[in-house]
Amino acid sequence: MKITRIYITGFMGSGKSTLGPIVANTIGWNSYDIDSEIEKRTGMKVTEIFKSKGEKFFRELESSILDEHSKELEVVVSLGGGTIAYNNNFDIIKKTGVLVYLKSSPEKIFLRLKHKTDRPLFQTFDNLILSDEEALQKIKRLLSEREKYYRNADIIIDIDGISVGRTVDRLVRELKKKFQIVN
């Protein structure tokens, strides 16, 4: 089967924004990061959007950008961590391309995100920072809610303990083995 779109999903901090452009460069395609595009279009950071305009606004803009890229050819799209779980995004992704899930344990995700201040996950609605235990529980809850989407990915790559380079190599090998990449 020939493919012309690859969508990369996974929890925040799983490396989607890092891997997307590298994979795209490796196969000679364009690359887009939905969160970065939202920030460019609004002139605001994702955390600011959640605080000032709300999640509904963010998710609608996210869906609109996904829809735009679902019509492009030869593109790797790095999704936001929750993109697949909102609106009809999952259906669009599955109908128009290959879904890759960068899988990581809740504990590894927590360690990667623990010192990041630009993630809405670790803040409450009144801007308090969650305790380590509260943050880990929130990661586990969100992973559990999204698992029904994640487990339906066409390719699942366990990224715990694997370098970016090895992850890219493994992913490109899997893509070439399972699909014809048009370029």
Protein backbone atom coordinates (compact mmCIF):
# COMPACT_ATOMS: atom_id res chain seq x y z
CA MET A 1 0.00 0.00 0.00
CA LYS A 2 1.34 3.41 -0.95
CA ILE A 3 1.20 6.13 1.66
CA THR A 4 1.60 9.88 1.36
CA ARG A 5 0.91 10.96 4.97
CA ILE A 6 2.41 9.88 8.27
CA TYR A 7 0.97 11.08 11.57
CA ILE A 8 3.07 10.77 14.72
CA THR A 9 1.24 10.54 18.03
CA GLY A 10 2.13 9.87 21.64
CA PHE A 11 1.85 11.51 25.01
CA MET A 12 3.38 14.94 25.52
CA GLY A 13 7.12 14.62 25.94
CA SER A 14 7.34 11.46 23.83
CA GLY A 15 9.42 13.15 21.14
CA LYS A 16 6.87 13.77 18.39
CA SER A 17 8.15 17.26 17.63
CA THR A 18 11.74 16.04 17.55
CA LEU A 19 11.19 12.88 15.51
CA GLY A 20 8.72 14.27 12.96
CA PRO A 21 11.16 16.56 11.12
CA ILE A 22 13.96 13.96 11.25
CA VAL A 23 11.74 11.23 9.79
CA ALA A 24 10.46 13.67 7.14
CA ASN A 25 14.00 14.66 6.21
CA THR A 26 15.06 11.02 6.05
CA ILE A 27 12.34 10.12 3.53
CA GLY A 28 12.36 13.48 1.70
CA TRP A 29 8.94 14.73 2.80
CA ASN A 30 7.66 17.94 4.43
CA SER A 31 7.09 18.12 8.16
CA TYR A 32 4.54 19.95 10.29
CA ASP A 33 4.03 20.18 14.02
CA ILE A 34 0.44 21.01 14.94
CA ASP A 35 1.24 22.65 18.29
CA SER A 36 3.90 24.86 16.66
CA GLU A 37 1.46 25.87 13.94
CA ILE A 38 -1.16 26.78 16.53
CA GLU A 39 1.41 28.95 18.33
CA LYS A 40 2.42 30.67 15.07
CA ARG A 41 -1.17 31.37 14.03
CA THR A 42 -2.26 32.70 17.41
CA GLY A 43 0.99 34.34 18.50
CA MET A 44 0.52 32.57 21.84
CA LYS A 45 2.08 29.59 23.59
CA VAL A 46 -0.14 26.54 24.06
CA THR A 47 -0.29 27.13 27.83
CA GLU A 48 -1.45 30.72 27.23
CA ILE A 49 -4.15 29.54 24.83
CA PHE A 50 -5.48 27.04 27.37
CA LYS A 51 -5.55 29.75 30.07
CA SER A 52 -7.01 32.62 28.07
CA LYS A 53 -9.14 31.00 25.35
CA GLY A 54 -9.79 27.55 26.79
CA GLU A 55 -9.33 24.00 25.62
CA LYS A 56 -12.35 24.09 23.29
CA PHE A 57 -10.81 26.93 21.25
CA PHE A 58 -7.48 25.09 21.15
CA ARG A 59 -9.06 21.79 20.05
CA GLU A 60 -11.10 23.45 17.28
CA LEU A 61 -8.01 25.16 15.87
CA GLU A 62 -6.06 21.91 16.21
CA SER A 63 -8.74 20.03 14.24
CA SER A 64 -8.78 22.68 11.54
CA ILE A 65 -5.00 22.49 11.07
CA LEU A 66 -5.11 18.68 11.02
CA ASP A 67 -7.80 18.83 8.34
CA GLU A 68 -5.59 21.11 6.22
CA HIS A 69 -2.60 18.77 6.42
CA SER A 70 -4.73 15.68 5.79
CA LYS A 71 -5.11 16.95 2.23
CA GLU A 72 -1.38 17.42 1.59
CA LEU A 73 0.88 14.80 0.02
CA GLU A 74 4.25 13.57 1.25
CA VAL A 75 3.91 15.00 4.74
CA VAL A 76 4.83 13.93 8.27
CA VAL A 77 2.56 15.55 10.86
CA SER A 78 3.53 15.63 14.53
CA LEU A 79 0.26 15.64 16.43
CA GLY A 80 -0.38 17.11 19.84
CA GLY A 81 -0.58 14.50 22.61
CA GLY A 82 -4.38 14.63 22.72
CA THR A 83 -5.15 15.41 19.08
CA ILE A 84 -6.37 11.89 18.29
CA ALA A 85 -8.90 11.91 21.13
CA TYR A 86 -10.91 14.99 20.06
CA ASN A 87 -13.56 15.73 17.47
CA ASN A 88 -13.34 13.35 14.52
CA ASN A 89 -9.54 13.67 14.35
CA PHE A 90 -8.88 9.96 14.79
CA ASP A 91 -11.12 9.11 11.83
CA ILE A 92 -9.41 11.71 9.63
CA ILE A 93 -5.98 10.37 10.57
CA LYS A 94 -6.86 6.73 9.95
CA LYS A 95 -8.57 7.49 6.61
CA THR A 96 -5.80 9.66 5.20
CA GLY A 97 -2.50 8.21 6.40
CA VAL A 98 -0.44 5.99 8.63
CA LEU A 99 -0.53 6.52 12.39
CA VAL A 100 2.66 5.99 14.39
CA TYR A 101 2.50 5.82 18.19
CA LEU A 102 5.60 6.67 20.23
CA LYS A 103 4.87 4.62 23.34
CA SER A 104 6.34 5.41 26.75
CA SER A 105 5.59 4.44 30.33
CA PRO A 106 3.90 6.96 32.65
CA GLU A 107 7.00 7.03 34.83
CA LYS A 108 9.33 7.86 31.92
CA ILE A 109 6.92 10.52 30.67
CA PHE A 110 6.83 12.04 34.15
CA LEU A 111 10.64 12.15 34.33
CA ARG A 112 10.87 13.83 30.90
CA LEU A 113 8.23 16.45 31.77
CA LYS A 114 8.94 17.01 35.45
CA HIS A 115 11.00 20.18 35.01
CA LYS A 116 9.13 21.63 32.03
CA THR A 117 7.16 24.75 32.83
CA ASP A 118 5.53 25.15 29.42
CA ARG A 119 3.14 22.20 29.70
CA PRO A 120 -0.49 22.75 30.72
CA LEU A 121 -0.57 19.21 32.13
CA PHE A 122 1.28 20.16 35.30
CA GLN A 123 -0.87 23.15 36.19
CA THR A 124 -4.27 23.39 37.80
CA PHE A 125 -6.93 25.81 36.61
CA ASP A 126 -5.82 28.29 39.26
CA ASN A 127 -2.18 28.09 38.05
CA LEU A 128 -0.91 25.98 40.91
CA ILE A 129 1.72 23.38 40.09
CA LEU A 130 0.66 19.78 40.70
CA SER A 131 2.63 17.67 43.16
CA ASP A 132 4.74 14.86 41.69
CA GLU A 133 2.15 12.26 42.71
CA GLU A 134 -0.74 14.33 41.30
CA ALA A 135 1.13 14.81 38.02
CA LEU A 136 1.94 11.10 37.70
CA GLN A 137 -1.69 10.21 38.40
CA LYS A 138 -2.84 12.71 35.77
CA ILE A 139 -0.45 11.18 33.22
CA LYS A 140 -1.77 7.70 34.01
CA ARG A 141 -5.39 8.87 33.71
CA LEU A 142 -4.83 10.63 30.38
CA LEU A 143 -2.85 7.69 28.98
CA SER A 144 -5.67 5.38 29.99
CA GLU A 145 -8.26 7.61 28.27
CA ARG A 146 -6.19 7.82 25.07
CA GLU A 147 -5.08 4.19 24.97
CA LYS A 148 -8.06 3.12 22.82
CA TYR A 149 -6.72 5.44 20.11
CA TYR A 150 -3.01 4.82 20.66
CA ARG A 151 -3.32 1.02 20.46
CA ASN A 152 -4.95 1.37 17.01
CA ALA A 153 -1.84 2.92 15.51
CA ASP A 154 -0.43 1.25 12.40
CA ILE A 155 3.05 1.22 13.95
CA ILE A 156 3.88 1.29 17.66
CA ILE A 157 7.43 2.12 18.73
CA ASP A 158 8.39 1.73 22.39
CA ILE A 159 10.74 4.67 22.98
CA ASP A 160 11.76 4.04 26.59
CA GLY A 161 15.53 3.79 26.82
CA ILE A 162 16.10 4.22 23.07
CA SER A 163 18.00 7.12 21.52
CA VAL A 164 16.37 9.42 19.00
CA GLY A 165 18.61 8.10 16.22
CA ARG A 166 17.74 4.47 16.90
CA THR A 167 14.05 5.37 17.17
CA VAL A 168 14.14 7.08 13.76
CA ASP A 169 16.00 4.12 12.22
CA ARG A 170 13.48 1.66 13.65
CA LEU A 171 10.51 3.76 12.52
CA VAL A 172 11.78 4.26 8.95
CA ARG A 173 12.54 0.51 8.68
CA GLU A 174 9.01 -0.32 9.86
CA LEU A 175 7.47 2.16 7.43
CA LYS A 176 9.43 0.73 4.49
CA LYS A 177 8.63 -2.85 5.51
CA LYS A 178 4.87 -2.31 5.91
CA PHE A 179 4.14 0.43 3.38
CA GLN A 180 5.35 1.89 0.11
CA ILE A 181 6.58 5.37 0.83
CA VAL A 182 5.97 7.68 -2.11
CA ASN A 183 8.79 10.16 -2.69
